[in-house]
Amino acid sequence: MVMYFYEVQKISPSDAPAALVKGTGFLAFGLFMILRPNTVRENLDRFADRWKQGSWHPYRMPVWGLRLAGAIVVAMATLFFLIAYAGFNS
């Protein structure tokens, strides 16, 4: 916990725009995973088919698993927004 506060003091205003963009991207992807998990599953499956045949496919993951992963991604987005907030206020 002490290391966290030490690292937060190193955040500069130049870090804030990148963190804001990353947070927005994570938030959009996470909400899309929560609201439209079947679409995410189909797109990831299509990508996996083109990338490597016979590999693991997200269609084996249940819908609730994709929604849980989306909630985790939204939680990660809040961390990027916290970094942006600290950057803009330093």
Protein backbone atom coordinates (compact mmCIF):
# COMPACT_ATOMS: atom_id res chain seq x y z
CA MET A 1 0.00 0.00 0.00
CA VAL A 2 2.89 2.34 0.74
CA MET A 3 4.33 1.63 -2.70
CA TYR A 4 1.03 2.67 -4.30
CA PHE A 5 1.12 6.11 -2.70
CA TYR A 6 4.77 6.50 -3.69
CA GLU A 7 3.94 5.71 -7.32
CA VAL A 8 0.91 8.04 -7.36
CA GLN A 9 3.22 10.94 -6.54
CA LYS A 10 5.15 10.22 -9.75
CA ILE A 11 2.08 10.73 -12.00
CA SER A 12 2.49 13.84 -14.10
CA PRO A 13 -0.11 15.81 -16.09
CA SER A 14 1.34 14.36 -19.30
CA ASP A 15 0.18 10.87 -18.19
CA ALA A 16 -3.46 11.90 -17.83
CA PRO A 17 -4.62 12.01 -21.48
CA ALA A 18 -3.28 8.52 -22.25
CA ALA A 19 -4.89 7.12 -19.09
CA LEU A 20 -8.17 8.78 -20.02
CA VAL A 21 -8.12 7.24 -23.50
CA LYS A 22 -7.24 3.80 -22.11
CA GLY A 23 -9.94 4.05 -19.47
CA THR A 24 -12.53 5.01 -22.07
CA GLY A 25 -11.54 2.07 -24.27
CA PHE A 26 -11.68 -0.39 -21.39
CA LEU A 27 -15.03 1.00 -20.25
CA ALA A 28 -16.54 0.68 -23.74
CA PHE A 29 -15.23 -2.86 -24.21
CA GLY A 30 -16.33 -3.93 -20.72
CA LEU A 31 -19.83 -2.56 -21.17
CA PHE A 32 -20.05 -4.20 -24.58
CA MET A 33 -19.05 -7.53 -22.97
CA ILE A 34 -21.75 -7.11 -20.33
CA LEU A 35 -24.53 -5.96 -22.67
CA ARG A 36 -23.74 -8.00 -25.82
CA PRO A 37 -21.74 -11.08 -24.76
CA ASN A 38 -22.83 -13.17 -27.74
CA THR A 39 -21.48 -10.60 -30.20
CA VAL A 40 -18.15 -10.52 -28.36
CA ARG A 41 -18.05 -14.32 -28.38
CA GLU A 42 -18.71 -14.48 -32.14
CA ASN A 43 -16.05 -11.87 -32.93
CA LEU A 44 -13.43 -13.51 -30.70
CA ASP A 45 -14.27 -16.88 -32.24
CA ARG A 46 -13.85 -15.46 -35.75
CA PHE A 47 -10.50 -13.94 -34.74
CA ALA A 48 -9.30 -17.22 -33.20
CA ASP A 49 -10.24 -19.16 -36.33
CA ARG A 50 -8.16 -16.87 -38.50
CA TRP A 51 -5.27 -16.61 -36.06
CA LYS A 52 -4.74 -20.25 -35.14
CA GLN A 53 -6.88 -23.18 -36.20
CA GLY A 54 -7.86 -25.66 -33.50
CA SER A 55 -7.06 -23.34 -30.57
CA TRP A 56 -9.22 -22.53 -27.58
CA HIS A 57 -12.38 -20.64 -28.51
CA PRO A 58 -14.52 -18.31 -26.39
CA TYR A 59 -17.69 -20.06 -27.55
CA ARG A 60 -16.92 -22.60 -24.85
CA MET A 61 -17.19 -19.85 -22.23
CA PRO A 62 -20.71 -19.37 -20.82
CA VAL A 63 -22.48 -16.03 -21.14
CA TRP A 64 -22.18 -15.35 -17.42
CA GLY A 65 -18.39 -15.81 -17.73
CA LEU A 66 -18.17 -13.19 -20.44
CA ARG A 67 -20.32 -10.82 -18.37
CA LEU A 68 -18.08 -11.39 -15.34
CA ALA A 69 -15.02 -10.68 -17.47
CA GLY A 70 -16.75 -7.51 -18.67
CA ALA A 71 -17.31 -6.40 -15.08
CA ILE A 72 -13.61 -6.97 -14.34
CA VAL A 73 -12.66 -4.91 -17.40
CA VAL A 74 -14.95 -2.08 -16.21
CA ALA A 75 -13.22 -2.24 -12.81
CA MET A 76 -9.85 -1.92 -14.57
CA ALA A 77 -11.21 1.12 -16.43
CA THR A 78 -11.89 2.82 -13.12
CA LEU A 79 -8.22 2.43 -12.23
CA PHE A 80 -7.24 4.23 -15.44
CA PHE A 81 -9.73 6.98 -14.63
CA LEU A 82 -8.15 7.26 -11.16
CA ILE A 83 -4.73 7.67 -12.80
CA ALA A 84 -6.14 10.35 -15.11
CA TYR A 85 -7.72 12.14 -12.15
CA ALA A 86 -4.45 12.08 -10.24
CA GLY A 87 -2.60 13.30 -13.32
CA PHE A 88 -4.94 16.21 -13.97
CA ASN A 89 -4.84 17.25 -10.31
CA SER A 90 -1.07 17.19 -9.89
